[in-house]
């Protein structure tokens, strides 16, 4: 039976793997081009020529992970679906790639745009670039902190205790037999 704070020896190894995936997800366009160059694949022979594969692949994996962990005995399917969708939208923001027009690193990245920020004349463009960069990094840190709480602190309810953006998950229906209500979490915390 899952408790609110359980961890085992595999959690640290798993968190190390998640950290590697999150590092790649922070700069997917740079990681994509580095992997493609190191493998010796040219764009003319590549099956995929976009780093969006990393973005959508990581976001889909995170959604699946959150949904599967939300089906644990303490929550219901609709709550798990809502939290997984919410985390998926945040993951898309955290792992998105932003393309620019010219490359410092022979790759067009959000990092390059931020590095060229002082040379931009338009203050509105500077504001938009900083807003996008801070949103991406903020979403990335939020997701990383959830996974850190889940694995390092052993908080198995880390994904299910975040507030939901979706009003449909706020009101639990009485006839949903897909799992016990979230009140089971509160009763376990009081014991």
N, C-alpha and C. Protein backbone atom coordinates (compact mmCIF):
# COMPACT_ATOMS: atom_id res chain seq x y z
N UNK A 1 0.84 -1.19 0.00
CA UNK A 1 0.00 0.00 0.00
C UNK A 1 0.88 1.24 0.00
N UNK A 2 0.50 2.21 -0.81
CA UNK A 2 1.28 3.43 -0.92
C UNK A 2 0.97 4.37 0.22
N UNK A 3 2.00 4.85 0.86
CA UNK A 3 1.85 5.88 1.86
C UNK A 3 2.19 7.22 1.25
N UNK A 4 1.98 8.26 1.98
CA UNK A 4 2.27 9.59 1.46
C UNK A 4 3.76 9.82 1.32
N UNK A 5 4.58 9.23 2.16
CA UNK A 5 6.02 9.43 2.10
C UNK A 5 6.73 8.09 2.10
N UNK A 6 6.92 7.55 0.91
CA UNK A 6 7.65 6.31 0.75
C UNK A 6 8.75 6.54 -0.25
N UNK A 7 9.91 5.97 0.01
CA UNK A 7 10.98 6.02 -0.97
C UNK A 7 11.80 4.75 -0.84
N UNK A 8 12.47 4.40 -1.91
CA UNK A 8 13.31 3.23 -1.88
C UNK A 8 14.66 3.56 -2.52
N UNK A 9 15.51 2.58 -2.63
CA UNK A 9 16.87 2.83 -3.11
C UNK A 9 16.90 3.20 -4.59
N UNK A 10 15.89 2.81 -5.34
CA UNK A 10 15.87 3.12 -6.76
C UNK A 10 15.47 4.57 -7.05
N UNK A 11 14.92 5.25 -6.07
CA UNK A 11 14.47 6.62 -6.29
C UNK A 11 15.60 7.57 -6.66
N UNK A 12 16.75 7.43 -6.03
CA UNK A 12 17.86 8.33 -6.36
C UNK A 12 18.39 8.07 -7.77
N UNK A 13 18.46 6.80 -8.16
CA UNK A 13 18.88 6.47 -9.52
C UNK A 13 17.87 6.97 -10.55
N UNK A 14 16.61 6.82 -10.22
CA UNK A 14 15.56 7.30 -11.12
C UNK A 14 15.60 8.82 -11.23
N UNK A 15 15.86 9.50 -10.12
CA UNK A 15 15.94 10.96 -10.16
C UNK A 15 17.14 11.41 -10.98
N UNK A 16 18.22 10.65 -10.95
CA UNK A 16 19.38 10.97 -11.79
C UNK A 16 19.01 10.87 -13.27
N UNK A 17 18.26 9.85 -13.61
CA UNK A 17 17.81 9.70 -15.00
C UNK A 17 16.84 10.82 -15.38
N UNK A 18 15.92 11.15 -14.49
CA UNK A 18 15.01 12.28 -14.76
C UNK A 18 15.79 13.58 -14.91
N UNK A 19 16.85 13.77 -14.12
CA UNK A 19 17.66 14.99 -14.23
C UNK A 19 18.32 15.09 -15.59
N UNK A 20 18.79 13.96 -16.11
CA UNK A 20 19.38 13.95 -17.45
C UNK A 20 18.33 14.29 -18.50
N UNK A 21 17.14 13.71 -18.38
CA UNK A 21 16.07 14.02 -19.33
C UNK A 21 15.63 15.48 -19.23
N UNK A 22 15.57 16.01 -18.02
CA UNK A 22 15.19 17.41 -17.85
C UNK A 22 16.27 18.35 -18.40
N UNK A 23 17.54 17.97 -18.29
CA UNK A 23 18.62 18.79 -18.86
C UNK A 23 18.49 18.84 -20.37
N UNK A 24 18.20 17.71 -20.99
CA UNK A 24 17.98 17.68 -22.44
C UNK A 24 16.73 18.47 -22.79
N UNK A 25 15.69 18.37 -21.98
CA UNK A 25 14.46 19.09 -22.23
C UNK A 25 14.57 20.59 -22.06
N UNK A 26 15.54 21.04 -21.29
CA UNK A 26 15.73 22.49 -21.12
C UNK A 26 16.23 23.14 -22.41
N UNK A 27 17.09 22.46 -23.13
CA UNK A 27 17.61 22.97 -24.40
C UNK A 27 17.45 21.89 -25.47
N UNK A 28 16.20 21.59 -25.88
CA UNK A 28 16.00 20.47 -26.80
C UNK A 28 16.62 20.69 -28.17
N UNK A 29 16.61 21.94 -28.64
CA UNK A 29 17.16 22.19 -29.97
C UNK A 29 18.67 21.97 -29.99
N UNK A 30 19.36 22.39 -28.96
CA UNK A 30 20.80 22.18 -28.88
C UNK A 30 21.12 20.69 -28.72
N UNK A 31 20.39 20.00 -27.86
CA UNK A 31 20.60 18.56 -27.66
C UNK A 31 20.32 17.79 -28.94
N UNK A 32 19.29 18.17 -29.67
CA UNK A 32 18.94 17.50 -30.91
C UNK A 32 20.08 17.60 -31.92
N UNK A 33 20.61 18.81 -32.08
CA UNK A 33 21.68 19.00 -33.07
C UNK A 33 22.99 18.36 -32.63
N UNK A 34 23.27 18.38 -31.34
CA UNK A 34 24.48 17.71 -30.85
C UNK A 34 24.37 16.20 -31.07
N UNK A 35 23.24 15.62 -30.74
CA UNK A 35 23.04 14.18 -30.96
C UNK A 35 23.11 13.83 -32.44
N UNK A 36 22.52 14.66 -33.28
CA UNK A 36 22.54 14.38 -34.72
C UNK A 36 23.95 14.49 -35.30
N UNK A 37 24.71 15.50 -34.84
CA UNK A 37 26.10 15.63 -35.32
C UNK A 37 26.98 14.49 -34.81
N UNK A 38 26.81 14.12 -33.54
CA UNK A 38 27.64 13.05 -32.99
C UNK A 38 27.32 11.70 -33.63
N UNK A 39 26.10 11.52 -34.10
CA UNK A 39 25.73 10.28 -34.79
C UNK A 39 26.10 10.31 -36.26
N UNK A 40 26.49 11.46 -36.77
CA UNK A 40 26.88 11.58 -38.17
C UNK A 40 25.71 11.54 -39.14
N UNK A 41 24.55 12.00 -38.68
CA UNK A 41 23.36 12.01 -39.53
C UNK A 41 23.23 13.40 -40.16
N UNK A 42 23.11 13.44 -41.47
CA UNK A 42 22.93 14.70 -42.17
C UNK A 42 21.45 15.00 -42.33
N UNK A 43 21.12 16.28 -42.46
CA UNK A 43 19.71 16.65 -42.54
C UNK A 43 19.04 16.07 -43.79
N UNK A 44 19.81 15.83 -44.83
CA UNK A 44 19.22 15.27 -46.05
C UNK A 44 18.84 13.80 -45.88
N UNK A 45 19.50 13.09 -44.96
CA UNK A 45 19.20 11.67 -44.75
C UNK A 45 18.46 11.41 -43.44
N UNK A 46 18.19 12.45 -42.69
CA UNK A 46 17.54 12.29 -41.39
C UNK A 46 16.06 11.97 -41.56
N UNK A 47 15.56 11.11 -40.71
CA UNK A 47 14.14 10.79 -40.70
C UNK A 47 13.35 11.96 -40.11
N UNK A 48 13.92 12.61 -39.09
CA UNK A 48 13.28 13.74 -38.43
C UNK A 48 14.26 14.91 -38.43
N UNK A 49 13.80 16.08 -38.84
CA UNK A 49 14.67 17.26 -38.89
C UNK A 49 14.21 18.35 -37.94
N UNK A 50 13.53 17.98 -36.89
CA UNK A 50 13.04 18.98 -35.95
C UNK A 50 13.23 18.48 -34.52
N UNK A 51 13.60 19.40 -33.67
CA UNK A 51 13.76 19.04 -32.26
C UNK A 51 12.42 18.99 -31.54
N UNK A 52 11.33 19.23 -32.26
CA UNK A 52 10.00 19.12 -31.66
C UNK A 52 9.71 17.69 -31.23
N UNK A 53 10.43 16.74 -31.78
CA UNK A 53 10.29 15.34 -31.37
C UNK A 53 10.64 15.20 -29.90
N UNK A 54 11.70 15.87 -29.47
CA UNK A 54 12.11 15.83 -28.06
C UNK A 54 11.04 16.49 -27.20
N UNK A 55 10.56 17.64 -27.63
CA UNK A 55 9.54 18.36 -26.86
C UNK A 55 8.28 17.53 -26.67
N UNK A 56 7.72 17.04 -27.76
CA UNK A 56 6.48 16.28 -27.67
C UNK A 56 6.68 14.91 -27.04
N UNK A 57 7.82 14.30 -27.30
CA UNK A 57 8.11 13.00 -26.69
C UNK A 57 8.24 13.08 -25.19
N UNK A 58 9.00 14.07 -24.70
CA UNK A 58 9.15 14.24 -23.26
C UNK A 58 7.83 14.61 -22.61
N UNK A 59 7.08 15.51 -23.24
CA UNK A 59 5.79 15.93 -22.67
C UNK A 59 4.83 14.75 -22.59
N UNK A 60 4.80 13.92 -23.64
CA UNK A 60 3.92 12.75 -23.63
C UNK A 60 4.34 11.76 -22.54
N UNK A 61 5.64 11.57 -22.36
CA UNK A 61 6.11 10.65 -21.33
C UNK A 61 5.77 11.17 -19.94
N UNK A 62 5.91 12.46 -19.72
CA UNK A 62 5.57 13.05 -18.42
C UNK A 62 4.07 12.91 -18.16
N UNK A 63 3.24 13.13 -19.18
CA UNK A 63 1.79 12.97 -19.02
C UNK A 63 1.46 11.54 -18.64
N UNK A 64 2.05 10.58 -19.33
CA UNK A 64 1.80 9.17 -19.01
C UNK A 64 2.25 8.84 -17.58
N UNK A 65 3.42 9.34 -17.19
CA UNK A 65 3.94 9.08 -15.84
C UNK A 65 3.01 9.64 -14.77
N UNK A 66 2.57 10.87 -14.95
CA UNK A 66 1.69 11.50 -13.97
C UNK A 66 0.33 10.80 -13.94
N UNK A 67 -0.18 10.44 -15.09
CA UNK A 67 -1.47 9.74 -15.13
C UNK A 67 -1.38 8.39 -14.43
N UNK A 68 -0.35 7.62 -14.70
CA UNK A 68 -0.20 6.30 -14.08
C UNK A 68 -0.01 6.42 -12.57
N UNK A 69 0.73 7.41 -12.13
CA UNK A 69 0.91 7.59 -10.69
C UNK A 69 -0.32 8.17 -10.03
N UNK A 70 -1.17 8.83 -10.80
CA UNK A 70 -2.42 9.34 -10.27
C UNK A 70 -3.46 8.26 -10.08
N UNK A 71 -3.26 7.11 -10.69
CA UNK A 71 -4.21 6.01 -10.54
C UNK A 71 -3.94 5.16 -9.31
N UNK A 72 -2.99 5.59 -8.50
CA UNK A 72 -2.72 4.88 -7.26
C UNK A 72 -3.98 4.90 -6.40
N UNK A 73 -4.02 4.17 -5.34
CA UNK A 73 -5.27 3.99 -4.57
C UNK A 73 -5.90 5.27 -4.01
N UNK A 74 -5.23 6.39 -4.03
CA UNK A 74 -5.76 7.56 -3.35
C UNK A 74 -6.55 8.52 -4.22
N UNK A 75 -6.60 8.33 -5.52
CA UNK A 75 -7.32 9.29 -6.35
C UNK A 75 -8.16 8.57 -7.40
N UNK A 76 -9.01 9.32 -8.09
CA UNK A 76 -9.86 8.72 -9.10
C UNK A 76 -9.35 9.04 -10.51
N UNK A 77 -9.96 8.44 -11.50
CA UNK A 77 -9.51 8.60 -12.88
C UNK A 77 -9.67 10.03 -13.39
N UNK A 78 -10.76 10.68 -13.07
CA UNK A 78 -10.96 12.04 -13.59
C UNK A 78 -9.95 13.01 -12.99
N UNK A 79 -9.65 12.84 -11.72
CA UNK A 79 -8.63 13.68 -11.09
C UNK A 79 -7.27 13.41 -11.71
N UNK A 80 -6.96 12.15 -11.95
CA UNK A 80 -5.69 11.78 -12.55
C UNK A 80 -5.58 12.33 -13.98
N UNK A 81 -6.66 12.24 -14.74
CA UNK A 81 -6.67 12.80 -16.09
C UNK A 81 -6.47 14.31 -16.08
N UNK A 82 -7.15 14.99 -15.17
CA UNK A 82 -7.02 16.44 -15.08
C UNK A 82 -5.62 16.88 -14.70
N UNK A 83 -5.04 16.21 -13.71
CA UNK A 83 -3.68 16.58 -13.30
C UNK A 83 -2.67 16.24 -14.39
N UNK A 84 -2.85 15.11 -15.08
CA UNK A 84 -1.93 14.73 -16.16
C UNK A 84 -2.02 15.72 -17.33
N UNK A 85 -3.23 16.16 -17.65
CA UNK A 85 -3.39 17.16 -18.72
C UNK A 85 -2.74 18.48 -18.33
N UNK A 86 -2.95 18.88 -17.10
CA UNK A 86 -2.36 20.13 -16.61
C UNK A 86 -0.83 20.04 -16.63
N UNK A 87 -0.28 18.97 -16.13
CA UNK A 87 1.18 18.78 -16.13
C UNK A 87 1.69 18.69 -17.56
N UNK A 88 0.90 18.08 -18.46
CA UNK A 88 1.29 17.99 -19.86
C UNK A 88 1.42 19.36 -20.52
N UNK A 89 0.49 20.25 -20.22
CA UNK A 89 0.58 21.61 -20.77
C UNK A 89 1.80 22.34 -20.22
N UNK A 90 2.08 22.15 -18.94
CA UNK A 90 3.27 22.76 -18.34
C UNK A 90 4.53 22.14 -18.95
N UNK A 91 4.50 20.83 -19.21
CA UNK A 91 5.66 20.16 -19.81
C UNK A 91 5.91 20.66 -21.23
N UNK A 92 4.85 20.91 -21.99
CA UNK A 92 5.04 21.47 -23.33
C UNK A 92 5.73 22.82 -23.26
N UNK A 93 5.33 23.64 -22.29
CA UNK A 93 5.98 24.93 -22.11
C UNK A 93 7.42 24.77 -21.65
N UNK A 94 7.66 23.85 -20.73
CA UNK A 94 9.00 23.67 -20.18
C UNK A 94 9.98 23.09 -21.20
N UNK A 95 9.50 22.24 -22.11
CA UNK A 95 10.38 21.57 -23.05
C UNK A 95 10.31 22.14 -24.47
N UNK A 96 9.63 23.27 -24.64
CA UNK A 96 9.49 23.82 -25.98
C UNK A 96 10.82 24.35 -26.50
N UNK A 97 10.94 24.37 -27.82
CA UNK A 97 12.12 24.96 -28.43
C UNK A 97 11.68 26.20 -29.20
N UNK A 98 12.49 27.22 -29.11
CA UNK A 98 12.22 28.48 -29.79
C UNK A 98 13.32 28.66 -30.83
N UNK A 99 12.93 28.85 -32.06
CA UNK A 99 13.91 28.99 -33.14
C UNK A 99 14.15 30.48 -33.41
N UNK A 100 15.40 30.82 -33.67
CA UNK A 100 15.73 32.19 -34.07
C UNK A 100 16.22 32.17 -35.52
N UNK A 101 16.66 33.31 -36.04
CA UNK A 101 17.01 33.38 -37.46
C UNK A 101 18.47 33.07 -37.75
N UNK A 102 19.37 33.37 -36.84
CA UNK A 102 20.78 33.10 -37.10
C UNK A 102 21.37 32.39 -35.90
N UNK A 103 22.40 31.60 -36.14
CA UNK A 103 22.91 30.77 -35.07
C UNK A 103 24.31 31.11 -34.62
N UNK A 104 24.49 31.26 -33.32
CA UNK A 104 25.83 31.40 -32.76
C UNK A 104 26.47 30.02 -32.68
N UNK A 105 25.70 29.06 -32.21
CA UNK A 105 26.20 27.71 -32.00
C UNK A 105 25.92 26.83 -33.21
N UNK A 106 25.67 27.42 -34.38
CA UNK A 106 25.22 26.73 -35.57
C UNK A 106 23.86 26.09 -35.33
N UNK A 107 23.22 26.51 -34.28
CA UNK A 107 21.90 26.04 -33.93
C UNK A 107 21.10 27.28 -33.52
N UNK A 108 19.84 27.28 -33.82
CA UNK A 108 19.00 28.43 -33.49
C UNK A 108 18.23 28.13 -32.21
N UNK A 109 18.58 28.78 -31.12
CA UNK A 109 18.01 28.43 -29.82
C UNK A 109 17.47 29.64 -29.09
N UNK A 110 16.65 29.36 -28.07
CA UNK A 110 16.18 30.41 -27.17
C UNK A 110 17.36 30.99 -26.39
N UNK A 111 18.32 30.13 -26.05
CA UNK A 111 19.52 30.59 -25.36
C UNK A 111 20.26 31.64 -26.17
N UNK A 112 20.35 31.43 -27.48
CA UNK A 112 21.00 32.40 -28.35
C UNK A 112 20.27 33.74 -28.35
N UNK A 113 18.95 33.69 -28.37
CA UNK A 113 18.16 34.93 -28.36
C UNK A 113 18.39 35.69 -27.06
N UNK A 114 18.42 34.96 -25.93
CA UNK A 114 18.66 35.60 -24.64
C UNK A 114 20.07 36.20 -24.58
N UNK A 115 21.05 35.51 -25.16
CA UNK A 115 22.41 36.05 -25.18
C UNK A 115 22.53 37.31 -26.03
N UNK A 116 21.71 37.41 -27.05
CA UNK A 116 21.72 38.59 -27.92
C UNK A 116 20.78 39.69 -27.44
N UNK A 117 20.19 39.52 -26.29
CA UNK A 117 19.22 40.47 -25.76
C UNK A 117 19.76 41.90 -25.64
N UNK A 118 20.99 42.11 -25.16
CA UNK A 118 21.48 43.49 -25.07
C UNK A 118 21.60 44.19 -26.41
N UNK A 119 21.75 43.46 -27.49
CA UNK A 119 21.89 44.10 -28.80
C UNK A 119 20.55 44.42 -29.45
N UNK A 120 19.46 44.00 -28.85
CA UNK A 120 18.14 44.30 -29.41
C UNK A 120 17.76 45.75 -29.08
N UNK A 121 17.29 46.46 -30.08
CA UNK A 121 16.95 47.87 -29.89
C UNK A 121 15.54 48.06 -29.36
N UNK A 122 14.64 47.23 -29.76
CA UNK A 122 13.24 47.39 -29.40
C UNK A 122 12.99 46.87 -27.98
N UNK A 123 12.52 47.73 -27.09
CA UNK A 123 12.29 47.32 -25.70
C UNK A 123 11.13 46.33 -25.60
N UNK A 124 10.13 46.45 -26.49
CA UNK A 124 9.01 45.52 -26.48
C UNK A 124 9.49 44.11 -26.82
N UNK A 125 10.36 43.99 -27.80
CA UNK A 125 10.90 42.69 -28.17
C UNK A 125 11.74 42.10 -27.04
N UNK A 126 12.49 42.94 -26.35
CA UNK A 126 13.26 42.48 -25.18
C UNK A 126 12.32 41.91 -24.11
N UNK A 127 11.22 42.64 -23.86
CA UNK A 127 10.25 42.20 -22.87
C UNK A 127 9.63 40.86 -23.24
N UNK A 128 9.24 40.71 -24.49
CA UNK A 128 8.62 39.45 -24.95
C UNK A 128 9.61 38.30 -24.84
N UNK A 129 10.85 38.52 -25.25
CA UNK A 129 11.87 37.47 -25.17
C UNK A 129 12.10 37.07 -23.72
N UNK A 130 12.21 38.03 -22.83
CA UNK A 130 12.42 37.70 -21.42
C UNK A 130 11.20 37.01 -20.82
N UNK A 131 10.00 37.43 -21.21
CA UNK A 131 8.78 36.79 -20.72
C UNK A 131 8.73 35.33 -21.15
N UNK A 132 9.04 35.06 -22.41
CA UNK A 132 9.02 33.68 -22.91
C UNK A 132 10.10 32.85 -22.22
N UNK A 133 11.30 33.41 -22.09
CA UNK A 133 12.40 32.67 -21.46
C UNK A 133 12.10 32.39 -19.99
N UNK A 134 11.59 33.37 -19.27
CA UNK A 134 11.27 33.16 -17.86
C UNK A 134 10.10 32.19 -17.68
N UNK A 135 9.13 32.22 -18.59
CA UNK A 135 8.02 31.27 -18.52
C UNK A 135 8.51 29.85 -18.73
N UNK A 136 9.39 29.67 -19.71
CA UNK A 136 9.94 28.34 -19.98
C UNK A 136 10.74 27.83 -18.79
N UNK A 137 11.63 28.65 -18.27
CA UNK A 137 12.48 28.24 -17.14
C UNK A 137 11.63 28.03 -15.88
N UNK A 138 10.63 28.88 -15.66
CA UNK A 138 9.75 28.71 -14.51
C UNK A 138 8.96 27.41 -14.57
N UNK A 139 8.43 27.08 -15.75
CA UNK A 139 7.71 25.81 -15.91
C UNK A 139 8.65 24.64 -15.73
N UNK A 140 9.87 24.76 -16.23
CA UNK A 140 10.86 23.70 -16.09
C UNK A 140 11.19 23.45 -14.61
N UNK A 141 11.43 24.52 -13.86
CA UNK A 141 11.73 24.37 -12.43
C UNK A 141 10.54 23.80 -11.66
N UNK A 142 9.33 24.22 -12.00
CA UNK A 142 8.15 23.69 -11.34
C UNK A 142 8.05 22.18 -11.55
N UNK A 143 8.20 21.73 -12.80
CA UNK A 143 8.15 20.29 -13.08
C UNK A 143 9.28 19.55 -12.38
N UNK A 144 10.47 20.11 -12.45
CA UNK A 144 11.61 19.45 -11.81
C UNK A 144 11.40 19.33 -10.31
N UNK A 145 10.83 20.37 -9.70
CA UNK A 145 10.59 20.30 -8.25
C UNK A 145 9.54 19.25 -7.90
N UNK A 146 8.54 19.05 -8.76
CA UNK A 146 7.56 17.99 -8.52
C UNK A 146 8.22 16.61 -8.56
N UNK A 147 9.05 16.39 -9.57
CA UNK A 147 9.74 15.10 -9.67
C UNK A 147 10.74 14.92 -8.54
N UNK A 148 11.37 16.00 -8.11
CA UNK A 148 12.30 15.95 -6.98
C UNK A 148 11.55 15.56 -5.71
N UNK A 149 10.39 16.18 -5.48
CA UNK A 149 9.57 15.82 -4.31
C UNK A 149 9.13 14.37 -4.38
N UNK A 150 8.78 13.92 -5.56
CA UNK A 150 8.29 12.56 -5.73
C UNK A 150 9.38 11.53 -5.44
N UNK A 151 10.57 11.74 -5.99
CA UNK A 151 11.62 10.73 -5.88
C UNK A 151 12.53 10.92 -4.66
N UNK A 152 13.02 12.10 -4.43
CA UNK A 152 13.99 12.32 -3.36
C UNK A 152 13.32 12.34 -1.99
N UNK A 153 12.18 13.04 -1.87
CA UNK A 153 11.49 13.10 -0.59
C UNK A 153 10.48 11.98 -0.41
N UNK A 154 10.25 11.20 -1.46
CA UNK A 154 9.33 10.07 -1.36
C UNK A 154 7.86 10.46 -1.25
N UNK A 155 7.51 11.66 -1.68
CA UNK A 155 6.13 12.12 -1.61
C UNK A 155 5.37 11.58 -2.81
N UNK A 156 4.72 10.44 -2.65
CA UNK A 156 4.03 9.77 -3.75
C UNK A 156 2.77 10.51 -4.19
N UNK A 157 2.36 11.50 -3.45
CA UNK A 157 1.18 12.29 -3.81
C UNK A 157 1.56 13.66 -4.36
N UNK A 158 2.81 13.83 -4.76
CA UNK A 158 3.29 15.14 -5.21
C UNK A 158 2.49 15.67 -6.40
N UNK A 159 2.12 14.80 -7.33
CA UNK A 159 1.40 15.25 -8.51
C UNK A 159 -0.08 15.47 -8.24
N UNK A 160 -0.63 14.74 -7.29
CA UNK A 160 -2.06 14.82 -7.04
C UNK A 160 -2.44 15.93 -6.06
N UNK A 161 -1.47 16.49 -5.36
CA UNK A 161 -1.79 17.54 -4.39
C UNK A 161 -1.65 18.94 -4.94
N UNK A 162 -1.22 19.08 -6.19
CA UNK A 162 -1.15 20.43 -6.76
C UNK A 162 -2.55 20.89 -7.10
N UNK A 163 -2.82 22.19 -7.00
CA UNK A 163 -4.16 22.68 -7.34
C UNK A 163 -4.44 22.50 -8.83
N UNK A 164 -5.67 22.22 -9.16
CA UNK A 164 -6.06 21.97 -10.54
C UNK A 164 -6.51 23.26 -11.21
N UNK A 165 -6.14 23.41 -12.49
CA UNK A 165 -6.61 24.54 -13.30
C UNK A 165 -8.00 24.27 -13.86
N UNK A 166 -8.40 23.01 -13.90
CA UNK A 166 -9.63 22.62 -14.58
C UNK A 166 -10.79 22.53 -13.59
N UNK A 167 -11.82 23.34 -13.78
CA UNK A 167 -12.97 23.31 -12.87
C UNK A 167 -13.69 21.97 -12.86
N UNK A 168 -13.60 21.21 -13.92
CA UNK A 168 -14.30 19.92 -13.96
C UNK A 168 -13.75 18.93 -12.94
N UNK A 169 -12.54 19.14 -12.48
CA UNK A 169 -11.98 18.23 -11.48
C UNK A 169 -12.19 18.75 -10.06
N UNK A 170 -12.74 19.95 -9.92
CA UNK A 170 -12.95 20.48 -8.58
C UNK A 170 -14.09 19.77 -7.87
N UNK A 171 -15.19 19.54 -8.56
CA UNK A 171 -16.36 18.89 -7.97
C UNK A 171 -16.30 17.40 -8.26
N UNK A 172 -16.12 16.62 -7.24
CA UNK A 172 -16.07 15.17 -7.39
C UNK A 172 -17.50 14.65 -7.45
N UNK A 173 -17.79 13.80 -8.41
CA UNK A 173 -19.13 13.23 -8.49
C UNK A 173 -19.25 12.04 -7.56
N UNK A 174 -20.43 11.83 -7.06
CA UNK A 174 -20.69 10.74 -6.12
C UNK A 174 -20.66 9.39 -6.82
N UNK A 175 -21.01 9.35 -8.11
CA UNK A 175 -21.14 8.07 -8.80
C UNK A 175 -19.87 7.65 -9.52
N UNK A 176 -18.76 8.34 -9.35
CA UNK A 176 -17.50 7.96 -9.98
C UNK A 176 -16.90 6.80 -9.20
N UNK A 177 -16.94 5.61 -9.79
CA UNK A 177 -16.44 4.43 -9.09
C UNK A 177 -15.04 4.05 -9.53
N UNK A 178 -14.33 4.98 -10.14
CA UNK A 178 -13.00 4.66 -10.65
C UNK A 178 -11.94 4.69 -9.57
N UNK A 179 -12.27 5.11 -8.40
CA UNK A 179 -11.30 5.12 -7.31
C UNK A 179 -11.83 5.90 -6.14
N UNK A 180 -11.21 5.75 -4.97
CA UNK A 180 -11.67 6.49 -3.79
C UNK A 180 -11.45 7.99 -3.95
N UNK A 181 -12.24 8.72 -3.25
CA UNK A 181 -12.15 10.17 -3.32
C UNK A 181 -10.86 10.67 -2.67
N UNK A 182 -10.53 11.90 -2.94
CA UNK A 182 -9.31 12.49 -2.38
C UNK A 182 -9.43 12.66 -0.87
N UNK A 183 -10.63 12.47 -0.31
CA UNK A 183 -10.77 12.54 1.14
C UNK A 183 -9.95 11.46 1.83
N UNK A 184 -9.64 10.38 1.12
CA UNK A 184 -8.81 9.33 1.69
C UNK A 184 -7.41 9.86 2.01
N UNK A 185 -6.96 10.82 1.24
CA UNK A 185 -5.64 11.43 1.50
C UNK A 185 -5.68 12.16 2.83
N UNK A 186 -6.74 12.95 3.03
CA UNK A 186 -6.86 13.71 4.27
C UNK A 186 -6.97 12.79 5.48
N UNK A 187 -7.71 11.70 5.37
CA UNK A 187 -7.85 10.80 6.50
C UNK A 187 -6.53 10.09 6.81
N UNK A 188 -5.72 9.79 5.77
CA UNK A 188 -4.42 9.18 6.01
C UNK A 188 -3.43 10.16 6.67
N UNK A 189 -3.55 11.43 6.31
CA UNK A 189 -2.65 12.42 6.89
C UNK A 189 -2.94 12.63 8.38
N UNK A 190 -4.21 12.49 8.76
CA UNK A 190 -4.57 12.72 10.16
C UNK A 190 -4.17 11.56 11.06
N UNK A 191 -4.00 10.37 10.49
CA UNK A 191 -3.65 9.19 11.31
C UNK A 191 -2.21 9.16 11.69
